[in-house]
Amino acid sequence: MANAAAHTHHEPTTRLFLWVWVGLLGLTGVEVYLAYIHLNLHLMVILLMVLSIVKAAMIMAYFMHLRFERMNLVLTLIPAMIIVMCLMFIVFPDSFRLLNMRTFH
């Protein structure tokens, strides 16, 4: 009986999903706002990466139902983060080359 109590299953509600969706929408709004204000490029990239990681964690935790499975959440988030960072390092040299080719008026 004690073992059954330890493995209780939490059912997400529509209200919870709505609040998560509103949170994701708010974070997306912050990302769009950051694109329009003039910040230091390095600061903006760091902020956008942090916000994207938070959004990915929220999506995995709530919409992929990994909130109560901490190890699965970590094992899903960490490889995704590593893949994204590797893809960014593949694309960065081209973006720096193009930055040097632009003429600013």
PDB file of N, CA and C in Angstrom:
ATOM      1  N   MET A   1       0.810  -1.196   0.000  1.00  0.00           N
ATOM      2  CA  MET A   1       0.000   0.000   0.000  1.00  0.00           C
ATOM      3  C   MET A   1       0.858   1.267   0.000  1.00  0.00           C
ATOM      4  N   ALA A   2       1.989   1.243   0.717  1.00  0.00           N
ATOM      5  CA  ALA A   2       2.861   2.414   0.755  1.00  0.00           C
ATOM      6  C   ALA A   2       3.517   2.634  -0.603  1.00  0.00           C
ATOM      7  N   ASN A   3       3.785   1.550  -1.321  1.00  0.00           N
ATOM      8  CA  ASN A   3       4.395   1.666  -2.634  1.00  0.00           C
ATOM      9  C   ASN A   3       3.447   2.332  -3.629  1.00  0.00           C
ATOM     10  N   ALA A   4       2.160   2.036  -3.533  1.00  0.00           N
ATOM     11  CA  ALA A   4       1.169   2.644  -4.417  1.00  0.00           C
ATOM     12  C   ALA A   4       1.039   4.141  -4.143  1.00  0.00           C
ATOM     13  N   ALA A   5       1.166   4.532  -2.890  1.00  0.00           N
ATOM     14  CA  ALA A   5       1.073   5.949  -2.544  1.00  0.00           C
ATOM     15  C   ALA A   5       2.289   6.721  -3.048  1.00  0.00           C
ATOM     16  N   ALA A   6       3.422   6.062  -3.128  1.00  0.00           N
ATOM     17  CA  ALA A   6       4.634   6.733  -3.584  1.00  0.00           C
ATOM     18  C   ALA A   6       4.603   7.005  -5.082  1.00  0.00           C
ATOM     19  N   HIS A   7       3.825   6.232  -5.827  1.00  0.00           N
ATOM     20  CA  HIS A   7       3.762   6.379  -7.276  1.00  0.00           C
ATOM     21  C   HIS A   7       2.432   6.967  -7.720  1.00  0.00           C
ATOM     22  N   THR A   8       2.032   8.063  -7.095  1.00  0.00           N
ATOM     23  CA  THR A   8       0.779   8.692  -7.500  1.00  0.00           C
ATOM     24  C   THR A   8       0.977   9.359  -8.844  1.00  0.00           C
ATOM     25  N   HIS A   9      -0.062   9.358  -9.647  1.00  0.00           N
ATOM     26  CA  HIS A   9      -0.013   9.940 -10.985  1.00  0.00           C
ATOM     27  C   HIS A   9      -0.756  11.262 -10.964  1.00  0.00           C
ATOM     28  N   HIS A  10      -0.097  12.307 -11.382  1.00  0.00           N
ATOM     29  CA  HIS A  10      -0.694  13.633 -11.402  1.00  0.00           C
ATOM     30  C   HIS A  10      -1.271  13.892 -12.784  1.00  0.00           C
ATOM     31  N   GLU A  11      -2.543  14.184 -12.834  1.00  0.00           N
ATOM     32  CA  GLU A  11      -3.217  14.474 -14.096  1.00  0.00           C
ATOM     33  C   GLU A  11      -3.146  15.975 -14.377  1.00  0.00           C
ATOM     34  N   PRO A  12      -2.574  16.356 -15.495  1.00  0.00           N
ATOM     35  CA  PRO A  12      -2.565  17.782 -15.840  1.00  0.00           C
ATOM     36  C   PRO A  12      -3.965  18.242 -16.237  1.00  0.00           C
ATOM     37  N   THR A  13      -4.254  19.475 -15.946  1.00  0.00           N
ATOM     38  CA  THR A  13      -5.559  20.025 -16.273  1.00  0.00           C
ATOM     39  C   THR A  13      -5.440  20.974 -17.463  1.00  0.00           C
ATOM     40  N   THR A  14      -6.568  21.283 -18.043  1.00  0.00           N
ATOM     41  CA  THR A  14      -6.590  22.230 -19.155  1.00  0.00           C
ATOM     42  C   THR A  14      -6.098  23.591 -18.690  1.00  0.00           C
ATOM     43  N   ARG A  15      -6.437  23.946 -17.470  1.00  0.00           N
ATOM     44  CA  ARG A  15      -5.992  25.230 -16.923  1.00  0.00           C
ATOM     45  C   ARG A  15      -4.468  25.300 -16.849  1.00  0.00           C
ATOM     46  N   LEU A  16      -3.825  24.207 -16.435  1.00  0.00           N
ATOM     47  CA  LEU A  16      -2.370  24.161 -16.376  1.00  0.00           C
ATOM     48  C   LEU A  16      -1.772  24.329 -17.764  1.00  0.00           C
ATOM     49  N   PHE A  17      -2.310  23.601 -18.746  1.00  0.00           N
ATOM     50  CA  PHE A  17      -1.806  23.719 -20.108  1.00  0.00           C
ATOM     51  C   PHE A  17      -2.004  25.123 -20.652  1.00  0.00           C
ATOM     52  N   LEU A  18      -3.103  25.762 -20.303  1.00  0.00           N
ATOM     53  CA  LEU A  18      -3.356  27.132 -20.750  1.00  0.00           C
ATOM     54  C   LEU A  18      -2.330  28.090 -20.151  1.00  0.00           C
ATOM     55  N   TRP A  19      -2.008  27.936 -18.862  1.00  0.00           N
ATOM     56  CA  TRP A  19      -1.011  28.798 -18.233  1.00  0.00           C
ATOM     57  C   TRP A  19       0.378  28.566 -18.826  1.00  0.00           C
ATOM     58  N   VAL A  20       0.705  27.324 -19.118  1.00  0.00           N
ATOM     59  CA  VAL A  20       1.994  27.034 -19.757  1.00  0.00           C
ATOM     60  C   VAL A  20       2.039  27.669 -21.140  1.00  0.00           C
ATOM     61  N   TRP A  21       0.954  27.560 -21.885  1.00  0.00           N
ATOM     62  CA  TRP A  21       0.888  28.165 -23.221  1.00  0.00           C
ATOM     63  C   TRP A  21       1.037  29.679 -23.139  1.00  0.00           C
ATOM     64  N   VAL A  22       0.374  30.305 -22.164  1.00  0.00           N
ATOM     65  CA  VAL A  22       0.491  31.751 -21.983  1.00  0.00           C
ATOM     66  C   VAL A  22       1.937  32.110 -21.620  1.00  0.00           C
ATOM     67  N   GLY A  23       2.574  31.300 -20.777  1.00  0.00           N
ATOM     68  CA  GLY A  23       3.975  31.535 -20.432  1.00  0.00           C
ATOM     69  C   GLY A  23       4.878  31.434 -21.643  1.00  0.00           C
ATOM     70  N   LEU A  24       4.650  30.420 -22.484  1.00  0.00           N
ATOM     71  CA  LEU A  24       5.438  30.274 -23.709  1.00  0.00           C
ATOM     72  C   LEU A  24       5.205  31.437 -24.656  1.00  0.00           C
ATOM     73  N   LEU A  25       3.975  31.877 -24.749  1.00  0.00           N
ATOM     74  CA  LEU A  25       3.655  33.031 -25.592  1.00  0.00           C
ATOM     75  C   LEU A  25       4.337  34.288 -25.068  1.00  0.00           C
ATOM     76  N   GLY A  26       4.353  34.459 -23.748  1.00  0.00           N
ATOM     77  CA  GLY A  26       5.039  35.607 -23.150  1.00  0.00           C
ATOM     78  C   GLY A  26       6.535  35.581 -23.408  1.00  0.00           C
ATOM     79  N   LEU A  27       7.157  34.400 -23.268  1.00  0.00           N
ATOM     80  CA  LEU A  27       8.585  34.283 -23.547  1.00  0.00           C
ATOM     81  C   LEU A  27       8.889  34.563 -25.017  1.00  0.00           C
ATOM     82  N   THR A  28       8.004  34.125 -25.910  1.00  0.00           N
ATOM     83  CA  THR A  28       8.184  34.418 -27.327  1.00  0.00           C
ATOM     84  C   THR A  28       8.071  35.920 -27.573  1.00  0.00           C
ATOM     85  N   GLY A  29       7.153  36.571 -26.892  1.00  0.00           N
ATOM     86  CA  GLY A  29       7.032  38.024 -27.007  1.00  0.00           C
ATOM     87  C   GLY A  29       8.292  38.734 -26.542  1.00  0.00           C
ATOM     88  N   VAL A  30       8.905  38.245 -25.458  1.00  0.00           N
ATOM     89  CA  VAL A  30      10.160  38.826 -24.979  1.00  0.00           C
ATOM     90  C   VAL A  30      11.255  38.632 -26.021  1.00  0.00           C
ATOM     91  N   GLU A  31      11.294  37.458 -26.659  1.00  0.00           N
ATOM     92  CA  GLU A  31      12.300  37.210 -27.697  1.00  0.00           C
ATOM     93  C   GLU A  31      12.121  38.151 -28.887  1.00  0.00           C
ATOM     94  N   VAL A  32      10.882  38.362 -29.294  1.00  0.00           N
ATOM     95  CA  VAL A  32      10.620  39.281 -30.405  1.00  0.00           C
ATOM     96  C   VAL A  32      11.002  40.708 -30.014  1.00  0.00           C
ATOM     97  N   TYR A  33      10.685  41.101 -28.792  1.00  0.00           N
ATOM     98  CA  TYR A  33      11.053  42.434 -28.303  1.00  0.00           C
ATOM     99  C   TYR A  33      12.571  42.611 -28.312  1.00  0.00           C
ATOM    100  N   LEU A  34      13.308  41.580 -27.895  1.00  0.00           N
ATOM    101  CA  LEU A  34      14.771  41.660 -27.892  1.00  0.00           C
ATOM    102  C   LEU A  34      15.331  41.859 -29.300  1.00  0.00           C
ATOM    103  N   ALA A  35      14.619  41.348 -30.297  1.00  0.00           N
ATOM    104  CA  ALA A  35      15.084  41.509 -31.675  1.00  0.00           C
ATOM    105  C   ALA A  35      14.946  42.954 -32.146  1.00  0.00           C
ATOM    106  N   TYR A  36      14.040  43.713 -31.559  1.00  0.00           N
ATOM    107  CA  TYR A  36      13.800  45.080 -32.009  1.00  0.00           C
ATOM    108  C   TYR A  36      14.572  46.142 -31.231  1.00  0.00           C
ATOM    109  N   ILE A  37      15.034  45.805 -30.033  1.00  0.00           N
ATOM    110  CA  ILE A  37      15.810  46.810 -29.296  1.00  0.00           C
ATOM    111  C   ILE A  37      17.286  46.623 -29.624  1.00  0.00           C
ATOM    112  N   HIS A  38      18.045  47.657 -29.432  1.00  0.00           N
ATOM    113  CA  HIS A  38      19.465  47.621 -29.788  1.00  0.00           C
ATOM    114  C   HIS A  38      20.287  47.234 -28.568  1.00  0.00           C
ATOM    115  N   LEU A  39      20.578  45.944 -28.473  1.00  0.00           N
ATOM    116  CA  LEU A  39      21.429  45.426 -27.408  1.00  0.00           C
ATOM    117  C   LEU A  39      22.770  45.027 -27.990  1.00  0.00           C
ATOM    118  N   ASN A  40      23.719  44.850 -27.096  1.00  0.00           N
ATOM    119  CA  ASN A  40      24.991  44.274 -27.498  1.00  0.00           C
ATOM    120  C   ASN A  40      24.700  42.887 -28.082  1.00  0.00           C
ATOM    121  N   LEU A  41      25.329  42.559 -29.202  1.00  0.00           N
ATOM    122  CA  LEU A  41      25.045  41.309 -29.902  1.00  0.00           C
ATOM    123  C   LEU A  41      25.272  40.089 -29.014  1.00  0.00           C
ATOM    124  N   HIS A  42      26.360  40.096 -28.259  1.00  0.00           N
ATOM    125  CA  HIS A  42      26.663  38.947 -27.402  1.00  0.00           C
ATOM    126  C   HIS A  42      25.615  38.786 -26.303  1.00  0.00           C
ATOM    127  N   LEU A  43      25.195  39.889 -25.717  1.00  0.00           N
ATOM    128  CA  LEU A  43      24.169  39.840 -24.673  1.00  0.00           C
ATOM    129  C   LEU A  43      22.856  39.331 -25.240  1.00  0.00           C
ATOM    130  N   MET A  44      22.482  39.809 -26.424  1.00  0.00           N
ATOM    131  CA  MET A  44      21.226  39.384 -27.032  1.00  0.00           C
ATOM    132  C   MET A  44      21.255  37.889 -27.353  1.00  0.00           C
ATOM    133  N   VAL A  45      22.367  37.386 -27.882  1.00  0.00           N
ATOM    134  CA  VAL A  45      22.458  35.959 -28.208  1.00  0.00           C
ATOM    135  C   VAL A  45      22.359  35.116 -26.941  1.00  0.00           C
ATOM    136  N   ILE A  46      23.028  35.549 -25.881  1.00  0.00           N
ATOM    137  CA  ILE A  46      22.960  34.805 -24.622  1.00  0.00           C
ATOM    138  C   ILE A  46      21.542  34.804 -24.076  1.00  0.00           C
ATOM    139  N   LEU A  47      20.882  35.972 -24.081  1.00  0.00           N
ATOM    140  CA  LEU A  47      19.502  36.046 -23.595  1.00  0.00           C
ATOM    141  C   LEU A  47      18.564  35.171 -24.427  1.00  0.00           C
ATOM    142  N   LEU A  48      18.717  35.208 -25.744  1.00  0.00           N
ATOM    143  CA  LEU A  48      17.861  34.394 -26.602  1.00  0.00           C
ATOM    144  C   LEU A  48      18.100  32.905 -26.383  1.00  0.00           C
ATOM    145  N   MET A  49      19.348  32.518 -26.155  1.00  0.00           N
ATOM    146  CA  MET A  49      19.643  31.106 -25.895  1.00  0.00           C
ATOM    147  C   MET A  49      19.043  30.657 -24.567  1.00  0.00           C
ATOM    148  N   VAL A  50      19.165  31.490 -23.540  1.00  0.00           N
ATOM    149  CA  VAL A  50      18.602  31.143 -22.229  1.00  0.00           C
ATOM    150  C   VAL A  50      17.083  31.030 -22.325  1.00  0.00           C
ATOM    151  N   LEU A  51      16.442  31.990 -22.987  1.00  0.00           N
ATOM    152  CA  LEU A  51      14.994  31.940 -23.133  1.00  0.00           C
ATOM    153  C   LEU A  51      14.560  30.709 -23.936  1.00  0.00           C
ATOM    154  N   SER A  52      15.321  30.344 -24.947  1.00  0.00           N
ATOM    155  CA  SER A  52      14.986  29.158 -25.741  1.00  0.00           C
ATOM    156  C   SER A  52      15.128  27.885 -24.926  1.00  0.00           C
ATOM    157  N   ILE A  53      16.138  27.815 -24.073  1.00  0.00           N
ATOM    158  CA  ILE A  53      16.312  26.641 -23.215  1.00  0.00           C
ATOM    159  C   ILE A  53      15.166  26.542 -22.218  1.00  0.00           C
ATOM    160  N   VAL A  54      14.755  27.681 -21.662  1.00  0.00           N
ATOM    161  CA  VAL A  54      13.617  27.681 -20.732  1.00  0.00           C
ATOM    162  C   VAL A  54      12.344  27.218 -21.444  1.00  0.00           C
ATOM    163  N   LYS A  55      12.130  27.728 -22.662  1.00  0.00           N
ATOM    164  CA  LYS A  55      10.939  27.311 -23.414  1.00  0.00           C
ATOM    165  C   LYS A  55      10.989  25.826 -23.751  1.00  0.00           C
ATOM    166  N   ALA A  56      12.156  25.324 -24.141  1.00  0.00           N
ATOM    167  CA  ALA A  56      12.282  23.897 -24.456  1.00  0.00           C
ATOM    168  C   ALA A  56      12.017  23.050 -23.212  1.00  0.00           C
ATOM    169  N   ALA A  57      12.510  23.485 -22.069  1.00  0.00           N
ATOM    170  CA  ALA A  57      12.272  22.747 -20.827  1.00  0.00           C
ATOM    171  C   ALA A  57      10.788  22.747 -20.472  1.00  0.00           C
ATOM    172  N   MET A  58      10.121  23.885 -20.668  1.00  0.00           N
ATOM    173  CA  MET A  58       8.680  23.945 -20.378  1.00  0.00           C
ATOM    174  C   MET A  58       7.891  23.026 -21.308  1.00  0.00           C
ATOM    175  N   ILE A  59       8.256  23.026 -22.578  1.00  0.00           N
ATOM    176  CA  ILE A  59       7.547  22.165 -23.541  1.00  0.00           C
ATOM    177  C   ILE A  59       7.746  20.700 -23.181  1.00  0.00           C
ATOM    178  N   MET A  60       8.988  20.336 -22.872  1.00  0.00           N
ATOM    179  CA  MET A  60       9.246  18.939 -22.517  1.00  0.00           C
ATOM    180  C   MET A  60       8.581  18.559 -21.206  1.00  0.00           C
ATOM    181  N   ALA A  61       8.601  19.457 -20.248  1.00  0.00           N
ATOM    182  CA  ALA A  61       8.040  19.144 -18.939  1.00  0.00           C
ATOM    183  C   ALA A  61       6.527  18.993 -18.986  1.00  0.00           C
ATOM    184  N   TYR A  62       5.848  19.879 -19.689  1.00  0.00           N
ATOM    185  CA  TYR A  62       4.389  19.867 -19.640  1.00  0.00           C
ATOM    186  C   TYR A  62       3.740  19.181 -20.835  1.00  0.00           C
ATOM    187  N   PHE A  63       4.172  19.500 -22.040  1.00  0.00           N
ATOM    188  CA  PHE A  63       3.496  18.933 -23.208  1.00  0.00           C
ATOM    189  C   PHE A  63       3.996  17.541 -23.551  1.00  0.00           C
ATOM    190  N   MET A  64       5.229  17.210 -23.144  1.00  0.00           N
ATOM    191  CA  MET A  64       5.725  15.849 -23.343  1.00  0.00           C
ATOM    192  C   MET A  64       5.568  15.028 -22.066  1.00  0.00           C
ATOM    193  N   HIS A  65       4.941  15.632 -21.041  1.00  0.00           N
ATOM    194  CA  HIS A  65       4.593  14.962 -19.779  1.00  0.00           C
ATOM    195  C   HIS A  65       5.813  14.409 -19.060  1.00  0.00           C
ATOM    196  N   LEU A  66       6.908  15.149 -19.044  1.00  0.00           N
ATOM    197  CA  LEU A  66       8.111  14.716 -18.349  1.00  0.00           C
ATOM    198  C   LEU A  66       8.337  15.468 -17.042  1.00  0.00           C
ATOM    199  N   ARG A  67       7.356  16.230 -16.605  1.00  0.00           N
ATOM    200  CA  ARG A  67       7.517  17.047 -15.401  1.00  0.00           C
ATOM    201  C   ARG A  67       7.820  16.201 -14.175  1.00  0.00           C
ATOM    202  N   PHE A  68       7.159  15.084 -14.041  1.00  0.00           N
ATOM    203  CA  PHE A  68       7.351  14.251 -12.859  1.00  0.00           C
ATOM    204  C   PHE A  68       8.360  13.142 -13.107  1.00  0.00           C
ATOM    205  N   GLU A  69       8.992  13.159 -14.255  1.00  0.00           N
ATOM    206  CA  GLU A  69      10.049  12.200 -14.557  1.00  0.00           C
ATOM    207  C   GLU A  69      11.330  12.999 -14.754  1.00  0.00           C
ATOM    208  N   ARG A  70      11.914  13.422 -13.671  1.00  0.00           N
ATOM    209  CA  ARG A  70      13.054  14.339 -13.704  1.00  0.00           C
ATOM    210  C   ARG A  70      14.216  13.795 -14.535  1.00  0.00           C
ATOM    211  N   MET A  71      14.560  12.547 -14.360  1.00  0.00           N
ATOM    212  CA  MET A  71      15.705  12.002 -15.082  1.00  0.00           C
ATOM    213  C   MET A  71      15.444  11.999 -16.586  1.00  0.00           C
ATOM    214  N   ASN A  72      14.237  11.632 -17.000  1.00  0.00           N
ATOM    215  CA  ASN A  72      13.908  11.657 -18.427  1.00  0.00           C
ATOM    216  C   ASN A  72      13.937  13.077 -18.980  1.00  0.00           C
ATOM    217  N   LEU A  73      13.510  14.038 -18.171  1.00  0.00           N
ATOM    218  CA  LEU A  73      13.555  15.439 -18.600  1.00  0.00           C
ATOM    219  C   LEU A  73      14.998  15.878 -18.824  1.00  0.00           C
ATOM    220  N   VAL A  74      15.866  15.541 -17.890  1.00  0.00           N
ATOM    221  CA  VAL A  74      17.282  15.899 -18.020  1.00  0.00           C
ATOM    222  C   VAL A  74      17.906  15.172 -19.206  1.00  0.00           C
ATOM    223  N   LEU A  75      17.588  13.885 -19.354  1.00  0.00           N
ATOM    224  CA  LEU A  75      18.163  13.103 -20.453  1.00  0.00           C
ATOM    225  C   LEU A  75      17.619  13.530 -21.813  1.00  0.00           C
ATOM    226  N   THR A  76      16.527  14.254 -21.839  1.00  0.00           N
ATOM    227  CA  THR A  76      15.996  14.790 -23.086  1.00  0.00           C
ATOM    228  C   THR A  76      16.539  16.187 -23.355  1.00  0.00           C
ATOM    229  N   LEU A  77      16.639  17.009 -22.311  1.00  0.00           N
ATOM    230  CA  LEU A  77      17.051  18.403 -22.476  1.00  0.00           C
ATOM    231  C   LEU A  77      18.541  18.546 -22.772  1.00  0.00           C
ATOM    232  N   ILE A  78      19.385  17.819 -22.075  1.00  0.00           N
ATOM    233  CA  ILE A  78      20.833  17.972 -22.240  1.00  0.00           C
ATOM    234  C   ILE A  78      21.288  17.597 -23.651  1.00  0.00           C
ATOM    235  N   PRO A  79      20.910  16.434 -24.208  1.00  0.00           N
ATOM    236  CA  PRO A  79      21.342  16.146 -25.585  1.00  0.00           C
ATOM    237  C   PRO A  79      20.800  17.155 -26.606  1.00  0.00           C
ATOM    238  N   ALA A  80      19.573  17.620 -26.404  1.00  0.00           N
ATOM    239  CA  ALA A  80      19.014  18.624 -27.316  1.00  0.00           C
ATOM    240  C   ALA A  80      19.839  19.903 -27.259  1.00  0.00           C
ATOM    241  N   MET A  81      20.254  20.310 -26.067  1.00  0.00           N
ATOM    242  CA  MET A  81      21.067  21.499 -25.917  1.00  0.00           C
ATOM    243  C   MET A  81      22.431  21.318 -26.586  1.00  0.00           C
ATOM    244  N   ILE A  82      23.021  20.153 -26.443  1.00  0.00           N
ATOM    245  CA  ILE A  82      24.325  19.886 -27.057  1.00  0.00           C
ATOM    246  C   ILE A  82      24.203  19.911 -28.576  1.00  0.00           C
ATOM    247  N   ILE A  83      23.148  19.326 -29.123  1.00  0.00           N
ATOM    248  CA  ILE A  83      22.954  19.326 -30.578  1.00  0.00           C
ATOM    249  C   ILE A  83      22.774  20.743 -31.096  1.00  0.00           C
ATOM    250  N   VAL A  84      21.980  21.547 -30.407  1.00  0.00           N
ATOM    251  CA  VAL A  84      21.764  22.934 -30.836  1.00  0.00           C
ATOM    252  C   VAL A  84      23.070  23.716 -30.799  1.00  0.00           C
ATOM    253  N   MET A  85      23.856  23.533 -29.744  1.00  0.00           N
ATOM    254  CA  MET A  85      25.125  24.247 -29.653  1.00  0.00           C
ATOM    255  C   MET A  85      26.081  23.809 -30.764  1.00  0.00           C
ATOM    256  N   CYS A  86      26.116  22.524 -31.087  1.00  0.00           N
ATOM    257  CA  CYS A  86      26.965  22.043 -32.182  1.00  0.00           C
ATOM    258  C   CYS A  86      26.514  22.630 -33.514  1.00  0.00           C
ATOM    259  N   LEU A  87      25.203  22.686 -33.738  1.00  0.00           N
ATOM    260  CA  LEU A  87      24.698  23.281 -34.974  1.00  0.00           C
ATOM    261  C   LEU A  87      25.035  24.762 -35.061  1.00  0.00           C
ATOM    262  N   MET A  88      24.990  25.445 -33.918  1.00  0.00           N
ATOM    263  CA  MET A  88      25.346  26.862 -33.924  1.00  0.00           C
ATOM    264  C   MET A  88      26.806  27.052 -34.284  1.00  0.00           C
ATOM    265  N   PHE A  89      27.685  26.207 -33.761  1.00  0.00           N
ATOM    266  CA  PHE A  89      29.109  26.344 -34.079  1.00  0.00           C
ATOM    267  C   PHE A  89      29.382  26.002 -35.539  1.00  0.00           C
ATOM    268  N   ILE A  90      28.535  25.201 -36.156  1.00  0.00           N
ATOM    269  CA  ILE A  90      28.687  24.919 -37.579  1.00  0.00           C
ATOM    270  C   ILE A  90      28.303  26.141 -38.409  1.00  0.00           C
ATOM    271  N   VAL A  91      27.281  26.884 -37.965  1.00  0.00           N
ATOM    272  CA  VAL A  91      26.758  28.019 -38.725  1.00  0.00           C
ATOM    273  C   VAL A  91      27.515  29.314 -38.417  1.00  0.00           C
ATOM    274  N   PHE A  92      28.085  29.450 -37.228  1.00  0.00           N
ATOM    275  CA  PHE A  92      28.755  30.695 -36.832  1.00  0.00           C
ATOM    276  C   PHE A  92      29.843  31.160 -37.804  1.00  0.00           C
ATOM    277  N   PRO A  93      30.721  30.295 -38.308  1.00  0.00           N
ATOM    278  CA  PRO A  93      31.752  30.810 -39.230  1.00  0.00           C
ATOM    279  C   PRO A  93      31.167  31.507 -40.456  1.00  0.00           C
ATOM    280  N   ASP A  94      30.083  30.982 -41.000  1.00  0.00           N
ATOM    281  CA  ASP A  94      29.459  31.636 -42.151  1.00  0.00           C
ATOM    282  C   ASP A  94      28.880  32.994 -41.776  1.00  0.00           C
ATOM    283  N   SER A  95      28.292  33.085 -40.595  1.00  0.00           N
ATOM    284  CA  SER A  95      27.705  34.364 -40.199  1.00  0.00           C
ATOM    285  C   SER A  95      28.781  35.405 -39.955  1.00  0.00           C
ATOM    286  N   PHE A  96      29.925  35.018 -39.414  1.00  0.00           N
ATOM    287  CA  PHE A  96      31.012  35.977 -39.229  1.00  0.00           C
ATOM    288  C   PHE A  96      31.591  36.406 -40.573  1.00  0.00           C
ATOM    289  N   ARG A  97      31.685  35.487 -41.507  1.00  0.00           N
ATOM    290  CA  ARG A  97      32.186  35.824 -42.843  1.00  0.00           C
ATOM    291  C   ARG A  97      31.241  36.823 -43.510  1.00  0.00           C
ATOM    292  N   LEU A  98      29.943  36.590 -43.398  1.00  0.00           N
ATOM    293  CA  LEU A  98      28.970  37.505 -43.997  1.00  0.00           C
ATOM    294  C   LEU A  98      28.970  38.859 -43.302  1.00  0.00           C
ATOM    295  N   LEU A  99      29.220  38.873 -41.998  1.00  0.00           N
ATOM    296  CA  LEU A  99      29.277  40.139 -41.271  1.00  0.00           C
ATOM    297  C   LEU A  99      30.409  41.010 -41.795  1.00  0.00           C
ATOM    298  N   ASN A 100      31.538  40.396 -42.114  1.00  0.00           N
ATOM    299  CA  ASN A 100      32.671  41.161 -42.649  1.00  0.00           C
ATOM    300  C   ASN A 100      32.433  41.605 -44.089  1.00  0.00           C
ATOM    301  N   MET A 101      31.552  40.942 -44.817  1.00  0.00           N
ATOM    302  CA  MET A 101      31.268  41.306 -46.202  1.00  0.00           C
ATOM    303  C   MET A 101      30.264  42.437 -46.329  1.00  0.00           C
ATOM    304  N   ARG A 102      29.500  42.711 -45.288  1.00  0.00           N
ATOM    305  CA  ARG A 102      28.466  43.740 -45.359  1.00  0.00           C
ATOM    306  C   ARG A 102      29.089  45.135 -45.336  1.00  0.00           C
ATOM    307  N   THR A 103      28.431  46.009 -46.063  1.00  0.00           N
ATOM    308  CA  THR A 103      28.825  47.419 -46.001  1.00  0.00           C
ATOM    309  C   THR A 103      27.741  48.159 -45.242  1.00  0.00           C
ATOM    310  N   PHE A 104      28.148  48.870 -44.225  1.00  0.00           N
ATOM    311  CA  PHE A 104      27.197  49.601 -43.401  1.00  0.00           C
ATOM    312  C   PHE A 104      27.156  51.052 -43.848  1.00  0.00           C
ATOM    313  N   HIS A 105      25.958  51.579 -43.993  1.00  0.00           N
ATOM    314  CA  HIS A 105      25.792  52.972 -44.430  1.00  0.00           C
ATOM    315  C   HIS A 105      25.599  53.872 -43.263  1.00  0.00           C
TER     316      HIS A 105
END
